[in-house]
Every structure is written in C-alpha cells, then in structure tokens.
Amino acid sequence: MIAVELKPGIPGARRACLRPLCGTDEVLIQQGAPQETLALLQQLLVDDGEGAVAPKQARDLPVCDVDRLLAELHLRYFGDQIESRTRCQGCGKAFDVSFSLSSLLMTVNELRTQVSAGLAGPDNDGVFLAADGRRFRLPTMRDLEAVAGLPPEAAAQRMRQDCVLEGDPDQDPEVLEEAMAAVGPVLDTDLDAACPHCGKAQKVRFELQSYFAQALAAERRFVNHEVHQLARAYGWQRSEILAMTQEDRRAHVRLVSAEGAAVRRRTTLS
C-alpha cells in the first residue's frame, strides 16, 4: 500500500492510499493518454476510511495532488531516474535527457514553502486567501476536462471563473495564476538541457502525467510476455495472471526462468 499526504487534497480528505499495481491496471494504459491515467488512479485508490480520498473522488483531486500520486507510483515501479529522448532545436539531432524525479519533487516542495506571506491556506475546504482578498481553490482534474478543446486564453479564463470563489476572477489574472502555481505546483516544467551534438542550450518540456502514462504503455509488451510465460508454465488463464500484483507475477516469472535455465544446464551436461 502506498500512503500519500495531500495538499490541499479535497474537503474532508487530505490523504490517499493506493493499492499495488496488478496486470489489469498495467494493460489499462494503451495510448498513454491523460484520461487513461485518471482511470488508473480511480482503480488504484483505496477507500481507507475517514480522511482518505475515495476512488469516485479522483476527478475532484487538484492537479498538483494527482501529480504527487503519480510521482509516488513512478518512484515505486520505475525508480527515481527520468529518461527521455528529445530532438535538438538547433541541429535537429536526437539526444537523451535524464534527471532525478526525487530532486524535482524536492525543488517543488521548497518553492511551495517559499510562498509569499500574502497567501493563506488551505482551510478545511482546500481554499486559499490571496493578499488582495480573493478566495480561490486549485484546478482539479474535473476542471481540466471541462476546458479540454478550448483555445488557451478561453480555457484560462474559464478556469479562473470556476476556481475563484470570492472576488473578481479577471482582475490581475497573472497575479492569480502565479498564486495558484505557488501553492499548487504541478510537475509540468521546462528543464534546462544542452545538445551534446552542437552544444545549443534549450528548454525541454516535461509533463509527468503524460510521461507516466507513456511509460506504462511501453511496459505492455513485457506484461504480455510474462503472461505468456506463466500461462505455459502453470496453465493459468490470462485473467488469473493479470489479477496478480506486479511483484508476485514477476517473482513467478523469475522462478520459471530459473527452472528453465537449470534444465538447460542439465541437458548440456548430460
């Protein structure tokens, strides 16, 4: 079980509990789309009693909290290192970019603690108070779904109108958006990189939700291979194998592989 403290969480719930990944979760991600990632979170969330986010409340989570949950899943199942391939904006050649996810999380947390004293909250309902008197909440996954397909400017305006609970949402929009970014930082960021081919310095965009979904989608072929191995070895049905946790499935795959290697060695020696 993965337990994560959330900030701000949702009214009445500031922690989330995720059960271990199993095969049915892993094969859910096919295209690497954010909608699939949200569906995955709904499956993994465990209703752990009072104060815990329920599965049906996944869409009501602020985007920053969803990123925090996905970061914990990445650390557990893929490790700390983020590795991606991009193309140079100068010479056009491909090169690899890597960084530490835990270091990025630490940087985000440090920025959050340095928020201006003019901001207060969150209160018990997850509402913040800005220095100009406006009360606002942070954008949720449901908010993102509501503005999907809108032009960027219209989407931003709709988001402000939905998230500002008291005060003028269109007054000093930059100030409001900076305040939201300060108290609810998401793991979408521009990373500094230099092309190893031509040396050009540039920014590389990293978006955790898309990256995590794509990482799981890439694992699908390995899941199918492991299902095949266990089905041949034990005669189990695909549904039975996919119901196993990833840890148990891979432990059995290692046993099957070790037994096969031992048989091959005995055959070679005989």
Protein backbone atom coordinates (compact mmCIF):
# COMPACT_ATOMS: atom_id res chain seq x y z
CA MET A 1 0.00 0.00 0.00
CA ILE A 2 1.24 3.49 -0.87
CA ALA A 3 0.04 6.21 1.52
CA VAL A 4 0.46 9.83 0.40
CA GLU A 5 -0.28 13.04 2.29
CA LEU A 6 -2.01 15.55 0.03
CA LYS A 7 -2.04 19.33 -0.06
CA PRO A 8 -4.65 20.63 -0.33
CA GLY A 9 -6.48 17.36 -1.01
CA ILE A 10 -10.27 17.62 -1.11
CA PRO A 11 -12.70 18.73 1.62
CA GLY A 12 -12.56 16.13 4.36
CA ALA A 13 -9.75 14.13 2.80
CA ARG A 14 -6.06 15.00 2.83
CA ARG A 15 -4.51 11.62 2.29
CA ALA A 16 -4.71 8.97 -0.39
CA CYS A 17 -3.99 5.23 -0.28
CA LEU A 18 -3.08 3.34 -3.43
CA ARG A 19 -3.06 -0.45 -3.67
CA PRO A 20 -0.23 -2.23 -5.55
CA LEU A 21 -0.29 -2.36 -9.34
CA CYS A 22 -1.58 -5.55 -10.90
CA GLY A 23 -1.73 -6.64 -14.53
CA THR A 24 -5.25 -5.37 -15.11
CA ASP A 25 -4.03 -1.90 -14.16
CA GLU A 26 -0.96 -2.05 -16.39
CA VAL A 27 -2.86 -3.09 -19.54
CA LEU A 28 -5.43 -0.34 -18.96
CA ILE A 29 -2.91 2.15 -20.36
CA GLN A 30 -2.80 1.66 -24.13
CA GLN A 31 -2.33 5.06 -25.75
CA GLY A 32 -0.63 6.88 -22.88
CA ALA A 33 -3.45 9.46 -22.69
CA PRO A 34 -4.10 11.51 -19.52
CA GLN A 35 -7.68 10.15 -19.40
CA GLU A 36 -6.25 6.66 -19.05
CA THR A 37 -4.02 7.82 -16.21
CA LEU A 38 -7.03 9.19 -14.34
CA ALA A 39 -8.89 5.91 -14.87
CA LEU A 40 -5.86 4.10 -13.46
CA LEU A 41 -5.89 6.26 -10.32
CA GLN A 42 -9.58 5.52 -9.84
CA GLN A 43 -8.76 1.81 -9.89
CA LEU A 44 -5.82 2.12 -7.51
CA LEU A 45 -7.38 4.39 -4.88
CA VAL A 46 -8.47 2.50 -1.78
CA ASP A 47 -11.28 3.82 0.40
CA ASP A 48 -9.28 3.78 3.63
CA GLY A 49 -11.88 5.31 5.88
CA GLU A 50 -12.35 8.84 7.20
CA GLY A 51 -9.88 11.36 5.84
CA ALA A 52 -8.95 9.30 2.77
CA VAL A 53 -9.84 10.09 -0.84
CA ALA A 54 -12.34 7.58 -2.26
CA PRO A 55 -11.96 6.12 -5.79
CA LYS A 56 -15.01 8.02 -7.06
CA GLN A 57 -13.36 11.30 -5.96
CA ALA A 58 -10.31 11.03 -8.25
CA ARG A 59 -11.66 13.67 -10.64
CA ASP A 60 -12.08 16.12 -7.76
CA LEU A 61 -8.39 15.96 -6.83
CA PRO A 62 -6.34 19.10 -7.59
CA VAL A 63 -3.93 18.54 -10.46
CA CYS A 64 -0.95 19.04 -8.15
CA ASP A 65 -2.14 16.17 -5.93
CA VAL A 66 -2.61 13.88 -8.91
CA ASP A 67 0.97 14.64 -9.94
CA ARG A 68 2.12 13.80 -6.40
CA LEU A 69 0.38 10.41 -6.54
CA LEU A 70 1.80 9.60 -9.96
CA ALA A 71 5.27 10.59 -8.78
CA GLU A 72 5.00 8.08 -5.93
CA LEU A 73 3.90 5.38 -8.37
CA HIS A 74 6.82 6.18 -10.66
CA LEU A 75 9.29 6.02 -7.79
CA ARG A 76 7.87 2.65 -6.69
CA TYR A 77 7.65 0.94 -10.09
CA PHE A 78 10.11 2.73 -12.38
CA GLY A 79 12.61 4.24 -9.97
CA ASP A 80 13.95 7.74 -9.44
CA GLN A 81 15.54 8.36 -12.81
CA ILE A 82 13.51 10.03 -15.55
CA GLU A 83 14.87 9.34 -19.01
CA SER A 84 13.51 10.79 -22.20
CA ARG A 85 14.58 11.36 -25.77
CA THR A 86 14.15 14.70 -27.49
CA ARG A 87 15.26 16.45 -30.64
CA CYS A 88 17.60 19.44 -30.66
CA GLN A 89 16.00 22.74 -31.59
CA GLY A 90 19.24 23.73 -33.33
CA CYS A 91 20.78 20.84 -35.26
CA GLY A 92 17.71 18.61 -35.23
CA LYS A 93 19.57 15.57 -33.90
CA ALA A 94 18.08 13.37 -31.19
CA PHE A 95 19.62 13.25 -27.72
CA ASP A 96 18.75 11.84 -24.29
CA VAL A 97 17.70 13.86 -21.25
CA SER A 98 17.71 12.41 -17.74
CA PHE A 99 17.15 13.77 -14.25
CA SER A 100 16.12 12.72 -10.76
CA LEU A 101 12.39 12.75 -10.01
CA SER A 102 13.00 12.97 -6.25
CA SER A 103 15.20 16.04 -6.81
CA LEU A 104 12.42 17.65 -8.84
CA LEU A 105 9.94 16.88 -6.05
CA MET A 106 12.29 18.43 -3.52
CA THR A 107 12.63 21.58 -5.61
CA VAL A 108 8.85 21.85 -5.95
CA ASN A 109 8.37 21.44 -2.19
CA GLU A 110 11.00 24.10 -1.48
CA LEU A 111 9.26 26.54 -3.80
CA ARG A 112 5.96 25.84 -2.08
CA THR A 113 7.44 26.68 1.34
CA GLN A 114 8.72 29.98 -0.03
CA VAL A 115 5.21 31.19 -0.89
CA SER A 116 4.62 34.86 -0.13
CA ALA A 117 3.23 35.64 3.30
CA GLY A 118 0.38 37.34 1.46
CA LEU A 119 -1.14 33.94 0.75
CA ALA A 120 -3.00 31.98 3.41
CA GLY A 121 -4.46 28.49 3.46
CA PRO A 122 -5.58 25.99 2.63
CA ASP A 123 -8.53 25.94 5.01
CA ASN A 124 -10.55 22.81 5.74
CA ASP A 125 -12.23 23.11 2.35
CA GLY A 126 -8.96 23.49 0.46
CA VAL A 127 -9.50 27.22 -0.15
CA PHE A 128 -6.68 29.78 -0.23
CA LEU A 129 -6.81 33.50 0.53
CA ALA A 130 -4.80 35.86 -1.67
CA ALA A 131 -3.32 39.16 -0.50
CA ASP A 132 -5.95 41.08 -2.49
CA GLY A 133 -8.79 39.33 -0.65
CA ARG A 134 -9.75 36.87 -3.34
CA ARG A 135 -10.55 33.32 -2.20
CA PHE A 136 -9.69 30.55 -4.61
CA ARG A 137 -9.30 26.81 -4.89
CA LEU A 138 -6.87 24.93 -7.09
CA PRO A 139 -7.79 23.49 -10.51
CA THR A 140 -8.90 19.87 -10.42
CA MET A 141 -8.87 17.09 -12.99
CA ARG A 142 -12.58 17.75 -13.50
CA ASP A 143 -11.77 21.39 -14.32
CA LEU A 144 -9.22 20.27 -16.90
CA GLU A 145 -11.80 18.03 -18.56
CA ALA A 146 -14.25 20.95 -18.71
CA VAL A 147 -11.85 23.16 -20.68
CA ALA A 148 -10.44 20.47 -22.95
CA GLY A 149 -10.60 21.65 -26.55
CA LEU A 150 -10.97 25.34 -25.72
CA PRO A 151 -8.40 27.85 -27.02
CA PRO A 152 -5.71 28.52 -24.37
CA GLU A 153 -6.96 32.02 -23.47
CA ALA A 154 -10.58 30.90 -23.18
CA ALA A 155 -9.53 27.85 -21.16
CA ALA A 156 -7.55 30.01 -18.72
CA GLN A 157 -10.46 32.42 -18.28
CA ARG A 158 -12.93 29.58 -17.67
CA MET A 159 -10.53 28.05 -15.16
CA ARG A 160 -10.24 31.34 -13.24
CA GLN A 161 -14.01 31.78 -13.17
CA ASP A 162 -14.52 28.27 -11.81
CA CYS A 163 -11.71 28.43 -9.23
CA VAL A 164 -12.20 31.93 -7.79
CA LEU A 165 -14.87 31.60 -5.11
CA GLU A 166 -14.86 35.21 -3.91
CA GLY A 167 -13.65 38.31 -5.75
CA ASP A 168 -13.10 39.22 -9.39
CA PRO A 169 -11.53 36.30 -11.33
CA ASP A 170 -10.46 38.59 -14.18
CA GLN A 171 -8.67 41.17 -12.03
CA ASP A 172 -4.89 40.85 -12.43
CA PRO A 173 -5.09 37.33 -13.92
CA GLU A 174 -1.30 36.96 -13.92
CA VAL A 175 -1.18 37.57 -10.15
CA LEU A 176 -3.88 34.96 -9.56
CA GLU A 177 -2.22 32.36 -11.79
CA GLU A 178 1.13 32.92 -10.07
CA ALA A 179 -0.53 32.42 -6.69
CA MET A 180 -2.12 29.15 -7.87
CA ALA A 181 1.18 27.94 -9.25
CA ALA A 182 2.91 28.79 -5.96
CA VAL A 183 0.56 26.90 -3.65
CA GLY A 184 -0.26 24.08 -6.07
CA PRO A 185 2.83 23.44 -8.19
CA VAL A 186 2.42 20.73 -10.81
CA LEU A 187 5.16 18.55 -12.25
CA ASP A 188 4.99 20.16 -15.67
CA THR A 189 8.17 22.09 -16.14
CA ASP A 190 10.78 23.27 -18.62
CA LEU A 191 14.14 21.63 -17.95
CA ASP A 192 17.49 23.15 -18.91
CA ALA A 193 19.38 20.98 -21.39
CA ALA A 194 22.29 21.30 -23.81
CA CYS A 195 22.57 19.35 -27.05
CA PRO A 196 25.62 17.03 -26.91
CA HIS A 197 25.99 17.32 -30.70
CA CYS A 198 26.02 21.09 -31.24
CA GLY A 199 26.03 22.46 -27.67
CA LYS A 200 22.87 24.54 -28.08
CA ALA A 201 21.23 25.37 -24.73
CA GLN A 202 17.48 24.84 -24.74
CA LYS A 203 14.40 24.07 -22.69
CA VAL A 204 12.91 20.57 -22.70
CA ARG A 205 9.30 20.21 -21.62
CA PHE A 206 8.47 17.55 -19.04
CA GLU A 207 4.88 16.65 -18.14
CA LEU A 208 4.61 13.93 -15.52
CA GLN A 209 1.10 12.72 -16.33
CA SER A 210 1.90 12.13 -19.99
CA TYR A 211 5.32 10.69 -19.21
CA PHE A 212 3.97 8.21 -16.66
CA ALA A 213 1.16 7.08 -18.96
CA GLN A 214 3.60 6.54 -21.81
CA ALA A 215 5.98 4.62 -19.53
CA LEU A 216 3.18 2.24 -18.54
CA ALA A 217 2.04 1.89 -22.16
CA ALA A 218 5.59 0.91 -23.15
CA GLU A 219 5.54 -1.83 -20.48
CA ARG A 220 2.55 -3.54 -22.08
CA ARG A 221 4.70 -5.79 -24.28
CA PHE A 222 6.59 -7.04 -21.21
CA VAL A 223 3.32 -7.80 -19.43
CA ASN A 224 2.16 -9.87 -22.41
CA HIS A 225 5.46 -11.75 -22.43
CA GLU A 226 5.17 -12.51 -18.71
CA VAL A 227 1.55 -13.67 -19.12
CA HIS A 228 2.70 -15.99 -21.92
CA GLN A 229 5.47 -17.46 -19.76
CA LEU A 230 3.22 -18.14 -16.78
CA ALA A 231 0.37 -19.49 -18.91
CA ARG A 232 2.75 -22.02 -20.48
CA ALA A 233 4.37 -22.97 -17.18
CA TYR A 234 1.32 -23.24 -14.93
CA GLY A 235 -1.64 -23.43 -17.29
CA TRP A 236 -3.19 -20.37 -15.68
CA GLN A 237 -5.75 -18.22 -17.51
CA ARG A 238 -4.79 -14.73 -18.65
CA SER A 239 -7.34 -13.17 -16.28
CA GLU A 240 -5.84 -15.07 -13.33
CA ILE A 241 -2.32 -13.87 -14.16
CA LEU A 242 -3.38 -10.26 -14.69
CA ALA A 243 -5.11 -10.28 -11.31
CA MET A 244 -1.74 -10.86 -9.61
CA THR A 245 0.24 -7.92 -8.32
CA GLN A 246 3.20 -6.93 -10.46
CA GLU A 247 5.58 -8.08 -7.70
CA ASP A 248 4.02 -11.55 -7.44
CA ARG A 249 3.79 -12.00 -11.22
CA ARG A 250 7.43 -11.14 -11.74
CA ALA A 251 8.52 -13.31 -8.82
CA HIS A 252 6.85 -16.29 -10.53
CA VAL A 253 8.43 -15.35 -13.87
CA ARG A 254 11.84 -15.41 -12.20
CA LEU A 255 11.12 -18.86 -10.79
CA VAL A 256 10.06 -20.17 -14.20
CA SER A 257 13.13 -18.64 -15.87
CA ALA A 258 15.47 -20.07 -13.20
CA GLU A 259 13.94 -23.54 -13.56
CA GLY A 260 14.26 -23.37 -17.33
CA ALA A 261 17.90 -22.32 -17.06
CA ALA A 262 18.60 -25.24 -14.68
CA VAL A 263 17.02 -27.72 -17.10
CA ARG A 264 19.09 -26.35 -19.97
CA ARG A 265 22.28 -26.70 -17.92
CA ARG A 266 21.48 -30.32 -17.02
CA THR A 267 20.72 -31.08 -20.68
CA THR A 268 24.01 -29.54 -21.77
CA LEU A 269 25.99 -31.58 -19.21
CA SER A 270 24.29 -34.91 -19.96
